[in-house]
PDB file of N, CA and C in Angstrom:
ATOM      1  N   MET A   1      95.622  69.882 122.647  1.00  0.00           N
ATOM      2  CA  MET A   1      96.485  69.222 123.591  1.00  0.00           C
ATOM      3  C   MET A   1      97.568  68.473 122.846  1.00  0.00           C
ATOM      4  N   GLY A   2      98.779  68.749 123.209  1.00  0.00           N
ATOM      5  CA  GLY A   2      99.894  68.107 122.530  1.00  0.00           C
ATOM      6  C   GLY A   2     100.422  66.909 123.285  1.00  0.00           C
ATOM      7  N   PRO A   3     101.469  66.316 122.743  1.00  0.00           N
ATOM      8  CA  PRO A   3     102.067  65.139 123.383  1.00  0.00           C
ATOM      9  C   PRO A   3     102.605  65.426 124.783  1.00  0.00           C
ATOM     10  N   ALA A   4     103.123  66.628 125.002  1.00  0.00           N
ATOM     11  CA  ALA A   4     103.667  66.957 126.322  1.00  0.00           C
ATOM     12  C   ALA A   4     102.558  66.975 127.371  1.00  0.00           C
ATOM     13  N   ALA A   5     101.416  67.537 127.014  1.00  0.00           N
ATOM     14  CA  ALA A   5     100.289  67.572 127.950  1.00  0.00           C
ATOM     15  C   ALA A   5      99.788  66.158 128.240  1.00  0.00           C
ATOM     16  N   ASN A   6      99.757  65.325 127.211  1.00  0.00           N
ATOM     17  CA  ASN A   6      99.337  63.931 127.412  1.00  0.00           C
ATOM     18  C   ASN A   6     100.306  63.192 128.324  1.00  0.00           C
ATOM     19  N   ALA A   7     101.590  63.460 128.157  1.00  0.00           N
ATOM     20  CA  ALA A   7     102.591  62.815 128.996  1.00  0.00           C
ATOM     21  C   ALA A   7     102.450  63.263 130.451  1.00  0.00           C
ATOM     22  N   ARG A   8     102.220  64.541 130.668  1.00  0.00           N
ATOM     23  CA  ARG A   8     102.041  65.041 132.033  1.00  0.00           C
ATOM     24  C   ARG A   8     100.817  64.411 132.676  1.00  0.00           C
ATOM     25  N   ARG A   9      99.754  64.310 131.912  1.00  0.00           N
ATOM     26  CA  ARG A   9      98.536  63.689 132.440  1.00  0.00           C
ATOM     27  C   ARG A   9      98.788  62.220 132.782  1.00  0.00           C
ATOM     28  N   ALA A  10      99.509  61.522 131.930  1.00  0.00           N
ATOM     29  CA  ALA A  10      99.814  60.106 132.181  1.00  0.00           C
ATOM     30  C   ALA A  10     100.639  59.951 133.455  1.00  0.00           C
ATOM     31  N   VAL A  11     101.585  60.849 133.668  1.00  0.00           N
ATOM     32  CA  VAL A  11     102.401  60.782 134.881  1.00  0.00           C
ATOM     33  C   VAL A  11     101.542  61.019 136.114  1.00  0.00           C
ATOM     34  N   ARG A  12     100.659  62.004 136.041  1.00  0.00           N
ATOM     35  CA  ARG A  12      99.768  62.295 137.175  1.00  0.00           C
ATOM     36  C   ARG A  12      98.886  61.100 137.503  1.00  0.00           C
ATOM     37  N   VAL A  13      98.321  60.508 136.483  1.00  0.00           N
ATOM     38  CA  VAL A  13      97.442  59.351 136.690  1.00  0.00           C
ATOM     39  C   VAL A  13      98.234  58.176 137.263  1.00  0.00           C
ATOM     40  N   ALA A  14      99.428  57.950 136.730  1.00  0.00           N
ATOM     41  CA  ALA A  14     100.255  56.844 137.223  1.00  0.00           C
ATOM     42  C   ALA A  14     100.599  57.031 138.697  1.00  0.00           C
ATOM     43  N   LYS A  15     100.894  58.264 139.097  1.00  0.00           N
ATOM     44  CA  LYS A  15     101.216  58.525 140.503  1.00  0.00           C
ATOM     45  C   LYS A  15     100.030  58.245 141.414  1.00  0.00           C
ATOM     46  N   ARG A  16      98.827  58.499 140.914  1.00  0.00           N
ATOM     47  CA  ARG A  16      97.628  58.224 141.718  1.00  0.00           C
ATOM     48  C   ARG A  16      97.312  56.742 141.781  1.00  0.00           C
ATOM     49  N   ILE A  17      97.497  56.052 140.684  1.00  0.00           N
ATOM     50  CA  ILE A  17      97.096  54.647 140.588  1.00  0.00           C
ATOM     51  C   ILE A  17      98.119  53.704 141.216  1.00  0.00           C
ATOM     52  N   TYR A  18      99.385  54.070 141.203  1.00  0.00           N
ATOM     53  CA  TYR A  18     100.453  53.191 141.666  1.00  0.00           C
ATOM     54  C   TYR A  18     100.199  52.614 143.067  1.00  0.00           C
ATOM     55  N   PRO A  19      99.887  53.443 144.075  1.00  0.00           N
ATOM     56  CA  PRO A  19      99.646  52.860 145.413  1.00  0.00           C
ATOM     57  C   PRO A  19      98.454  51.896 145.440  1.00  0.00           C
ATOM     58  N   LEU A  20      97.432  52.200 144.654  1.00  0.00           N
ATOM     59  CA  LEU A  20      96.271  51.311 144.604  1.00  0.00           C
ATOM     60  C   LEU A  20      96.629  49.984 143.949  1.00  0.00           C
ATOM     61  N   ALA A  21      97.433  50.047 142.903  1.00  0.00           N
ATOM     62  CA  ALA A  21      97.841  48.817 142.218  1.00  0.00           C
ATOM     63  C   ALA A  21      98.696  47.947 143.138  1.00  0.00           C
ATOM     64  N   ILE A  22      99.591  48.560 143.897  1.00  0.00           N
ATOM     65  CA  ILE A  22     100.424  47.797 144.834  1.00  0.00           C
ATOM     66  C   ILE A  22      99.555  47.144 145.911  1.00  0.00           C
ATOM     67  N   ALA A  23      98.598  47.888 146.444  1.00  0.00           N
ATOM     68  CA  ALA A  23      97.709  47.335 147.474  1.00  0.00           C
ATOM     69  C   ALA A  23      96.884  46.180 146.917  1.00  0.00           C
ATOM     70  N   ALA A  24      96.374  46.337 145.689  1.00  0.00           N
ATOM     71  CA  ALA A  24      95.580  45.271 145.077  1.00  0.00           C
ATOM     72  C   ALA A  24      96.436  44.026 144.846  1.00  0.00           C
ATOM     73  N   TYR A  25      97.675  44.234 144.395  1.00  0.00           N
ATOM     74  CA  TYR A  25      98.571  43.094 144.173  1.00  0.00           C
ATOM     75  C   TYR A  25      98.860  42.368 145.486  1.00  0.00           C
ATOM     76  N   ARG A  26      99.126  43.109 146.522  1.00  0.00           N
ATOM     77  CA  ARG A  26      99.413  42.478 147.820  1.00  0.00           C
ATOM     78  C   ARG A  26      98.208  41.695 148.336  1.00  0.00           C
ATOM     79  N   GLN A  27      97.026  42.273 148.146  1.00  0.00           N
ATOM     80  CA  GLN A  27      95.818  41.584 148.587  1.00  0.00           C
ATOM     81  C   GLN A  27      95.624  40.299 147.779  1.00  0.00           C
ATOM     82  N   TRP A  28      95.835  40.365 146.473  1.00  0.00           N
ATOM     83  CA  TRP A  28      95.704  39.198 145.608  1.00  0.00           C
ATOM     84  C   TRP A  28      96.721  38.130 146.004  1.00  0.00           C
ATOM     85  N   ASP A  29      97.928  38.561 146.321  1.00  0.00           N
ATOM     86  CA  ASP A  29      99.001  37.637 146.679  1.00  0.00           C
ATOM     87  C   ASP A  29      98.690  36.886 147.981  1.00  0.00           C
ATOM     88  N   ARG A  30      97.925  37.498 148.869  1.00  0.00           N
ATOM     89  CA  ARG A  30      97.577  36.857 150.142  1.00  0.00           C
ATOM     90  C   ARG A  30      96.443  35.846 150.014  1.00  0.00           C
ATOM     91  N   LEU A  31      95.720  35.853 148.922  1.00  0.00           N
ATOM     92  CA  LEU A  31      94.596  34.931 148.767  1.00  0.00           C
ATOM     93  C   LEU A  31      95.083  33.498 148.591  1.00  0.00           C
ATOM     94  N   SER A  32      94.245  32.575 149.014  1.00  0.00           N
ATOM     95  CA  SER A  32      94.561  31.164 148.798  1.00  0.00           C
ATOM     96  C   SER A  32      94.297  30.821 147.323  1.00  0.00           C
ATOM     97  N   PRO A  33      94.873  29.729 146.838  1.00  0.00           N
ATOM     98  CA  PRO A  33      94.623  29.336 145.440  1.00  0.00           C
ATOM     99  C   PRO A  33      93.134  29.120 145.138  1.00  0.00           C
ATOM    100  N   GLN A  34      92.377  28.611 146.115  1.00  0.00           N
ATOM    101  CA  GLN A  34      90.944  28.399 145.905  1.00  0.00           C
ATOM    102  C   GLN A  34      90.218  29.738 145.731  1.00  0.00           C
ATOM    103  N   GLU A  35      90.603  30.711 146.550  1.00  0.00           N
ATOM    104  CA  GLU A  35      89.965  32.027 146.434  1.00  0.00           C
ATOM    105  C   GLU A  35      90.321  32.693 145.112  1.00  0.00           C
ATOM    106  N   LYS A  36      91.556  32.520 144.683  1.00  0.00           N
ATOM    107  CA  LYS A  36      91.967  33.084 143.393  1.00  0.00           C
ATOM    108  C   LYS A  36      91.149  32.480 142.263  1.00  0.00           C
ATOM    109  N   GLU A  37      90.960  31.165 142.295  1.00  0.00           N
ATOM    110  CA  GLU A  37      90.156  30.494 141.262  1.00  0.00           C
ATOM    111  C   GLU A  37      88.717  30.985 141.284  1.00  0.00           C
ATOM    112  N   ARG A  38      88.181  31.188 142.481  1.00  0.00           N
ATOM    113  CA  ARG A  38      86.805  31.678 142.592  1.00  0.00           C
ATOM    114  C   ARG A  38      86.675  33.059 141.953  1.00  0.00           C
ATOM    115  N   TYR A  39      87.642  33.937 142.228  1.00  0.00           N
ATOM    116  CA  TYR A  39      87.605  35.278 141.637  1.00  0.00           C
ATOM    117  C   TYR A  39      87.766  35.224 140.119  1.00  0.00           C
ATOM    118  N   LYS A  40      88.612  34.321 139.639  1.00  0.00           N
ATOM    119  CA  LYS A  40      88.797  34.182 138.190  1.00  0.00           C
ATOM    120  C   LYS A  40      87.511  33.698 137.526  1.00  0.00           C
ATOM    121  N   ARG A  41      86.834  32.729 138.180  1.00  0.00           N
ATOM    122  CA  ARG A  41      85.559  32.234 137.646  1.00  0.00           C
ATOM    123  C   ARG A  41      84.530  33.352 137.591  1.00  0.00           C
ATOM    124  N   GLN A  42      84.477  34.156 138.663  1.00  0.00           N
ATOM    125  CA  GLN A  42      83.543  35.279 138.696  1.00  0.00           C
ATOM    126  C   GLN A  42      83.835  36.266 137.578  1.00  0.00           C
ATOM    127  N   ALA A  43      85.106  36.570 137.364  1.00  0.00           N
ATOM    128  CA  ALA A  43      85.486  37.521 136.315  1.00  0.00           C
ATOM    129  C   ALA A  43      85.081  36.997 134.943  1.00  0.00           C
ATOM    130  N   ARG A  44      85.306  35.697 134.701  1.00  0.00           N
ATOM    131  CA  ARG A  44      84.888  35.103 133.418  1.00  0.00           C
ATOM    132  C   ARG A  44      83.384  35.190 133.251  1.00  0.00           C
ATOM    133  N   GLN A  45      82.649  34.903 134.327  1.00  0.00           N
ATOM    134  CA  GLN A  45      81.190  34.948 134.269  1.00  0.00           C
ATOM    135  C   GLN A  45      80.707  36.365 133.972  1.00  0.00           C
ATOM    136  N   TYR A  46      81.295  37.363 134.628  1.00  0.00           N
ATOM    137  CA  TYR A  46      80.908  38.749 134.375  1.00  0.00           C
ATOM    138  C   TYR A  46      81.218  39.158 132.940  1.00  0.00           C
ATOM    139  N   ALA A  47      82.369  38.716 132.429  1.00  0.00           N
ATOM    140  CA  ALA A  47      82.747  39.059 131.056  1.00  0.00           C
ATOM    141  C   ALA A  47      81.771  38.434 130.058  1.00  0.00           C
ATOM    142  N   GLU A  48      81.414  37.170 130.286  1.00  0.00           N
ATOM    143  CA  GLU A  48      80.462  36.505 129.398  1.00  0.00           C
ATOM    144  C   GLU A  48      79.096  37.171 129.453  1.00  0.00           C
ATOM    145  N   GLN A  49      78.670  37.530 130.648  1.00  0.00           N
ATOM    146  CA  GLN A  49      77.365  38.162 130.814  1.00  0.00           C
ATOM    147  C   GLN A  49      77.341  39.541 130.137  1.00  0.00           C
ATOM    148  N   SER A  50      78.391  40.317 130.308  1.00  0.00           N
ATOM    149  CA  SER A  50      78.410  41.641 129.684  1.00  0.00           C
ATOM    150  C   SER A  50      78.492  41.521 128.165  1.00  0.00           C
ATOM    151  N   ALA A  51      79.228  40.533 127.665  1.00  0.00           N
ATOM    152  CA  ALA A  51      79.287  40.318 126.218  1.00  0.00           C
ATOM    153  C   ALA A  51      77.909  39.939 125.684  1.00  0.00           C
ATOM    154  N   HIS A  52      77.199  39.113 126.423  1.00  0.00           N
ATOM    155  CA  HIS A  52      75.843  38.730 126.020  1.00  0.00           C
ATOM    156  C   HIS A  52      74.944  39.957 125.930  1.00  0.00           C
ATOM    157  N   TYR A  53      74.974  40.806 126.958  1.00  0.00           N
ATOM    158  CA  TYR A  53      74.135  42.001 126.950  1.00  0.00           C
ATOM    159  C   TYR A  53      74.562  42.985 125.870  1.00  0.00           C
ATOM    160  N   ALA A  54      75.849  43.063 125.576  1.00  0.00           N
ATOM    161  CA  ALA A  54      76.320  43.946 124.498  1.00  0.00           C
ATOM    162  C   ALA A  54      75.804  43.452 123.151  1.00  0.00           C
ATOM    163  N   ARG A  55      75.866  42.130 122.928  1.00  0.00           N
ATOM    164  CA  ARG A  55      75.335  41.579 121.671  1.00  0.00           C
ATOM    165  C   ARG A  55      73.836  41.816 121.574  1.00  0.00           C
ATOM    166  N   LEU A  56      73.144  41.642 122.676  1.00  0.00           N
ATOM    167  CA  LEU A  56      71.699  41.861 122.697  1.00  0.00           C
ATOM    168  C   LEU A  56      71.370  43.318 122.368  1.00  0.00           C
ATOM    169  N   ALA A  57      72.080  44.249 122.981  1.00  0.00           N
ATOM    170  CA  ALA A  57      71.847  45.668 122.721  1.00  0.00           C
ATOM    171  C   ALA A  57      72.165  46.016 121.277  1.00  0.00           C
ATOM    172  N   ALA A  58      73.239  45.446 120.733  1.00  0.00           N
ATOM    173  CA  ALA A  58      73.612  45.726 119.348  1.00  0.00           C
ATOM    174  C   ALA A  58      72.552  45.195 118.393  1.00  0.00           C
ATOM    175  N   SER A  59      72.015  44.021 118.694  1.00  0.00           N
ATOM    176  CA  SER A  59      70.979  43.477 117.811  1.00  0.00           C
ATOM    177  C   SER A  59      69.704  44.318 117.890  1.00  0.00           C
ATOM    178  N   GLN A  60      69.396  44.856 119.042  1.00  0.00           N
ATOM    179  CA  GLN A  60      68.231  45.733 119.173  1.00  0.00           C
ATOM    180  C   GLN A  60      68.431  47.006 118.364  1.00  0.00           C
ATOM    181  N   LEU A  61      69.646  47.553 118.368  1.00  0.00           N
ATOM    182  CA  LEU A  61      69.923  48.758 117.595  1.00  0.00           C
ATOM    183  C   LEU A  61      69.793  48.497 116.107  1.00  0.00           C
ATOM    184  N   VAL A  62      70.249  47.335 115.664  1.00  0.00           N
ATOM    185  CA  VAL A  62      70.169  46.992 114.247  1.00  0.00           C
ATOM    186  C   VAL A  62      68.710  46.867 113.835  1.00  0.00           C
ATOM    187  N   LYS A  63      67.881  46.299 114.692  1.00  0.00           N
ATOM    188  CA  LYS A  63      66.462  46.131 114.365  1.00  0.00           C
ATOM    189  C   LYS A  63      65.760  47.473 114.263  1.00  0.00           C
ATOM    190  N   ARG A  64      66.187  48.457 115.079  1.00  0.00           N
ATOM    191  CA  ARG A  64      65.533  49.761 115.103  1.00  0.00           C
ATOM    192  C   ARG A  64      66.129  50.756 114.117  1.00  0.00           C
ATOM    193  N   ALA A  65      67.266  50.421 113.522  1.00  0.00           N
ATOM    194  CA  ALA A  65      67.956  51.370 112.655  1.00  0.00           C
ATOM    195  C   ALA A  65      67.113  51.675 111.420  1.00  0.00           C
ATOM    196  N   PRO A  66      66.981  52.962 111.096  1.00  0.00           N
ATOM    197  CA  PRO A  66      66.238  53.317 109.888  1.00  0.00           C
ATOM    198  C   PRO A  66      67.024  52.896 108.655  1.00  0.00           C
ATOM    199  N   THR A  67      66.298  52.569 107.604  1.00  0.00           N
ATOM    200  CA  THR A  67      66.949  52.181 106.360  1.00  0.00           C
ATOM    201  C   THR A  67      66.697  53.256 105.327  1.00  0.00           C
ATOM    202  N   GLY A  68      67.693  53.594 104.567  1.00  0.00           N
ATOM    203  CA  GLY A  68      67.545  54.595 103.517  1.00  0.00           C
ATOM    204  C   GLY A  68      67.645  56.017 104.043  1.00  0.00           C
ATOM    205  N   ARG A  69      67.820  56.956 103.125  1.00  0.00           N
ATOM    206  CA  ARG A  69      68.008  58.356 103.516  1.00  0.00           C
ATOM    207  C   ARG A  69      66.709  59.014 103.992  1.00  0.00           C
ATOM    208  N   ASP A  70      65.612  58.655 103.438  1.00  0.00           N
ATOM    209  CA  ASP A  70      64.344  59.323 103.761  1.00  0.00           C
ATOM    210  C   ASP A  70      63.814  58.948 105.131  1.00  0.00           C
ATOM    211  N   ARG A  71      64.266  57.890 105.716  1.00  0.00           N
ATOM    212  CA  ARG A  71      63.740  57.448 107.017  1.00  0.00           C
ATOM    213  C   ARG A  71      64.313  58.243 108.176  1.00  0.00           C
ATOM    214  N   ARG A  72      65.340  59.087 107.946  1.00  0.00           N
ATOM    215  CA  ARG A  72      65.960  59.851 109.028  1.00  0.00           C
ATOM    216  C   ARG A  72      65.099  60.999 109.493  1.00  0.00           C
ATOM    217  N   ARG A  73      64.193  61.452 108.727  1.00  0.00           N
ATOM    218  CA  ARG A  73      63.401  62.628 109.066  1.00  0.00           C
ATOM    219  C   ARG A  73      62.399  62.385 110.126  1.00  0.00           C
TER     220      ARG A  73
END
């Protein structure tokens, strides 16, 4: 796949996403400042929670990782 194919794909995706992005922006714009803050707090909480689980999963992988070449068998 060359650059031209990537560009065509990007245009197709943009055409599909554009109406959804406009609708989401309009919906966000209609929210009260309190509702916006609530959504921002939720987003921060979700990001922190997912980061916690990602760190936990990474530490589990490190604990289970074989050491040395002979342990792969």
